[in-house]
N, C-alpha and C. Protein backbone atom coordinates (compact mmCIF):
# COMPACT_ATOMS: atom_id res chain seq x y z
N MET A 1 0.97 -1.06 -0.30
CA MET A 1 -0.05 0.14 0.00
C MET A 1 1.01 1.30 -0.01
N ASN A 2 0.83 1.78 -0.96
CA ASN A 2 1.43 3.25 -1.22
C ASN A 2 0.97 4.50 -0.73
N ALA A 3 1.97 5.16 -0.46
CA ALA A 3 1.12 6.43 0.46
C ALA A 3 -0.02 7.08 -0.07
N TYR A 4 0.06 7.36 -1.50
CA TYR A 4 -1.12 8.13 -2.07
C TYR A 4 -2.34 7.50 -1.63
N VAL A 5 -2.69 6.10 -1.97
CA VAL A 5 -3.29 5.61 -1.51
C VAL A 5 -4.09 5.48 0.12
N MET A 6 -2.98 5.35 0.68
CA MET A 6 -3.43 5.74 2.56
C MET A 6 -3.93 7.21 2.24
N ILE A 7 -3.41 8.26 1.60
CA ILE A 7 -3.91 9.82 2.02
C ILE A 7 -5.51 9.19 1.69
N GLU A 8 -5.69 8.85 0.57
CA GLU A 8 -6.95 8.92 -0.15
C GLU A 8 -8.00 8.08 0.98
N TYR A 9 -7.16 7.30 1.02
CA TYR A 9 -8.43 6.33 2.33
C TYR A 9 -8.64 6.84 3.63
N VAL A 10 -7.71 8.03 3.99
CA VAL A 10 -8.14 9.02 4.98
C VAL A 10 -9.06 9.70 4.50
N LYS A 11 -8.64 10.44 3.73
CA LYS A 11 -9.24 11.88 2.92
C LYS A 11 -11.00 11.30 2.72
N LYS A 12 -11.18 10.16 2.14
CA LYS A 12 -12.24 9.62 1.82
C LYS A 12 -13.49 9.14 3.33
N ASN A 13 -12.65 8.94 4.18
CA ASN A 13 -13.13 8.31 5.86
C ASN A 13 -13.00 9.73 6.77
N LEU A 14 -12.52 10.73 6.59
CA LEU A 14 -12.67 12.35 6.99
C LEU A 14 -13.81 13.10 6.91
N ARG A 15 -13.99 13.97 7.55
CA ARG A 15 -14.77 14.96 6.85
C ARG A 15 -13.10 16.11 6.53
N ALA A 16 -13.71 17.26 5.54
CA ALA A 16 -13.13 17.83 5.15
C ALA A 16 -11.95 18.92 6.13
N GLU A 17 -13.04 19.04 7.47
CA GLU A 17 -12.48 19.75 8.44
C GLU A 17 -11.23 18.92 9.31
N GLN A 18 -11.78 17.81 9.60
CA GLN A 18 -10.85 16.83 9.93
C GLN A 18 -9.56 16.57 9.27
N PHE A 19 -9.65 16.57 8.08
CA PHE A 19 -8.69 16.29 7.19
C PHE A 19 -7.68 17.36 6.79
N GLN A 20 -8.23 18.07 6.75
CA GLN A 20 -7.57 19.58 7.18
C GLN A 20 -6.66 19.78 8.24
N ALA A 21 -7.43 19.83 9.41
CA ALA A 21 -6.52 19.60 10.82
C ALA A 21 -5.87 18.54 10.64
N LEU A 22 -5.86 17.48 10.10
CA LEU A 22 -4.77 16.52 10.67
C LEU A 22 -3.49 16.91 9.43
N GLY A 23 -3.81 17.21 8.63
CA GLY A 23 -3.13 17.93 7.51
C GLY A 23 -1.82 18.86 8.36
N ARG A 24 -2.55 19.71 8.95
CA ARG A 24 -1.55 21.05 9.85
C ARG A 24 -1.45 20.20 10.85
N LEU A 25 -1.68 19.28 11.41
CA LEU A 25 -1.10 18.44 13.12
C LEU A 25 0.48 17.61 12.16
N THR A 26 0.29 17.27 11.22
CA THR A 26 1.13 16.94 10.57
C THR A 26 2.22 17.39 10.06
N MET A 27 2.19 18.78 9.27
CA MET A 27 3.12 19.36 9.09
C MET A 27 3.64 20.00 10.54
N SER A 28 3.05 20.46 11.18
CA SER A 28 3.72 21.01 12.62
C SER A 28 4.60 19.89 13.55
N ILE A 29 3.94 18.58 13.44
CA ILE A 29 4.90 17.67 14.12
C ILE A 29 5.96 17.46 13.01
N ALA A 30 5.91 17.75 11.84
CA ALA A 30 7.20 17.67 10.76
C ALA A 30 8.39 18.79 10.87
N ILE A 31 7.56 20.12 10.94
CA ILE A 31 8.79 20.95 10.95
C ILE A 31 9.22 20.88 12.64
N PHE A 32 8.61 20.29 13.73
CA PHE A 32 9.19 20.45 15.06
C PHE A 32 10.10 19.38 15.09
N LEU A 33 10.07 18.41 14.74
CA LEU A 33 11.18 17.39 14.26
C LEU A 33 12.17 17.66 13.50
N PHE A 34 12.36 18.20 12.36
CA PHE A 34 13.01 18.81 11.36
C PHE A 34 13.92 19.83 12.67
N LEU A 35 13.19 20.87 13.39
CA LEU A 35 14.15 21.97 13.83
C LEU A 35 14.67 20.71 15.16
N PHE A 36 14.23 20.28 15.55
CA PHE A 36 14.61 19.44 16.63
C PHE A 36 15.84 18.76 16.47
N ALA A 37 15.60 18.10 15.77
CA ALA A 37 16.92 17.35 14.99
C ALA A 37 18.30 18.47 14.33
N PHE A 38 17.72 19.45 13.57
CA PHE A 38 18.78 20.64 13.13
C PHE A 38 19.20 20.92 14.80
N ILE A 39 18.84 21.29 15.38
CA ILE A 39 19.45 21.94 16.73
C ILE A 39 20.09 20.97 17.48
N TYR A 40 19.77 19.78 17.77
CA TYR A 40 20.49 18.53 18.45
C TYR A 40 21.91 18.61 17.66
N LEU A 41 21.60 18.41 16.52
CA LEU A 41 22.72 17.80 15.78
C LEU A 41 23.87 18.99 15.96
N SER A 42 23.25 20.24 15.56
CA SER A 42 24.49 21.22 15.73
C SER A 42 25.16 21.43 17.07
N LEU A 43 24.44 21.24 18.42
CA LEU A 43 24.68 21.60 19.46
C LEU A 43 25.70 20.47 19.98
N SER A 44 25.31 19.38 19.52
CA SER A 44 26.04 17.87 19.89
C SER A 44 27.59 18.31 18.97
N GLY A 45 27.66 18.87 18.15
CA GLY A 45 28.84 19.01 17.43
C GLY A 45 28.82 17.89 16.13
N ALA A 46 27.70 17.25 15.85
CA ALA A 46 27.77 16.14 15.29
C ALA A 46 28.05 16.85 13.57
N THR A 47 27.41 18.04 13.44
CA THR A 47 27.94 18.60 12.10
C THR A 47 28.42 19.85 12.29
N ARG A 48 28.92 20.13 11.48
CA ARG A 48 29.84 21.20 11.25
C ARG A 48 29.56 21.94 10.33
N PHE A 49 29.45 23.18 10.63
CA PHE A 49 29.30 24.66 9.23
C PHE A 49 30.98 24.64 8.97
N SER A 50 31.01 25.01 7.61
CA SER A 50 32.07 25.39 7.12
C SER A 50 32.60 26.83 7.58
N GLY A 51 33.81 27.12 7.07
CA GLY A 51 34.06 28.62 7.79
C GLY A 51 32.96 29.64 6.74
N ARG A 52 33.09 29.30 5.67
CA ARG A 52 31.91 29.91 5.02
C ARG A 52 30.38 30.34 5.60
N SER A 53 29.96 28.95 5.64
CA SER A 53 29.03 29.33 6.42
C SER A 53 28.74 30.20 7.69
N MET A 54 29.79 29.57 8.16
CA MET A 54 29.95 30.78 9.57
C MET A 54 30.56 32.17 9.53
N THR A 55 31.02 32.66 8.62
CA THR A 55 31.54 33.98 7.98
C THR A 55 29.70 34.27 7.60
N LEU A 56 29.02 33.70 6.87
CA LEU A 56 27.69 34.21 6.54
C LEU A 56 27.02 34.72 7.97
N LEU A 57 27.29 33.52 9.07
CA LEU A 57 26.57 33.85 9.97
C LEU A 57 27.02 34.68 10.77
N ASP A 58 28.45 34.85 11.09
CA ASP A 58 28.85 35.76 11.85
C ASP A 58 29.99 36.33 11.07
N PRO A 59 30.05 37.64 10.71
CA PRO A 59 30.97 38.33 9.71
C PRO A 59 32.43 38.18 10.50
N THR A 60 32.37 38.26 11.82
CA THR A 60 33.62 38.61 12.22
C THR A 60 34.28 36.95 12.60
N TYR A 61 33.54 36.32 12.27
CA TYR A 61 34.18 34.75 12.78
C TYR A 61 35.72 34.47 11.29
N ALA A 62 35.27 35.07 10.18
CA ALA A 62 36.60 34.88 9.22
C ALA A 62 38.07 35.42 10.07
N LYS A 63 37.76 36.80 10.55
CA LYS A 63 38.85 37.38 10.90
C LYS A 63 39.45 36.45 12.11
N LYS A 64 38.55 35.88 13.18
CA LYS A 64 39.54 35.09 14.41
C LYS A 64 39.76 34.11 13.79
N TYR A 65 38.98 33.23 13.01
CA TYR A 65 39.11 31.92 12.76
C TYR A 65 39.88 31.53 11.61
N VAL A 66 39.55 32.26 10.14
CA VAL A 66 39.82 31.63 9.24
C VAL A 66 41.02 32.83 8.49
N PRO A 67 41.93 33.14 8.82
CA PRO A 67 42.58 34.51 8.26
C PRO A 67 42.82 33.93 6.67
N ILE A 68 42.46 33.12 5.74
CA ILE A 68 42.67 33.06 4.42
C ILE A 68 41.21 33.60 4.08
N ILE A 69 40.34 33.08 4.46
CA ILE A 69 38.84 33.73 4.14
C ILE A 69 38.80 35.20 4.01
N ALA A 70 39.68 35.61 5.21
CA ALA A 70 39.56 37.26 5.79
C ALA A 70 40.35 37.80 4.25
N SER A 71 41.02 37.35 3.95
CA SER A 71 42.55 38.17 3.09
C SER A 71 41.72 37.84 1.77
N VAL A 72 40.97 36.83 1.49
CA VAL A 72 40.55 36.79 -0.03
C VAL A 72 39.14 37.71 -0.24
N SER A 73 38.63 38.07 0.74
CA SER A 73 37.52 38.82 0.83
C SER A 73 37.33 40.35 0.60
N GLU A 74 38.95 40.70 1.22
CA GLU A 74 39.39 41.99 1.08
C GLU A 74 39.83 42.61 -0.33
N HIS A 75 39.86 41.38 -1.14
CA HIS A 75 40.21 41.69 -2.70
C HIS A 75 39.01 41.75 -3.36
């Protein structure tokens, strides 16, 4: 049974308002899980941002930690 068939089955057996509420709930849970996983992985050190990404988030990062990026950006 693929996802499309399951969605159609649920849609057929629920009222429109209930189906929309279920969709909003599903999207909210998915967004929450994505944000939780992103924050957890970032804080735990499992993922690391590159020097370019850190410079985009914090312009002073390159001057402190990656002098080659600072020297290239001056030219």
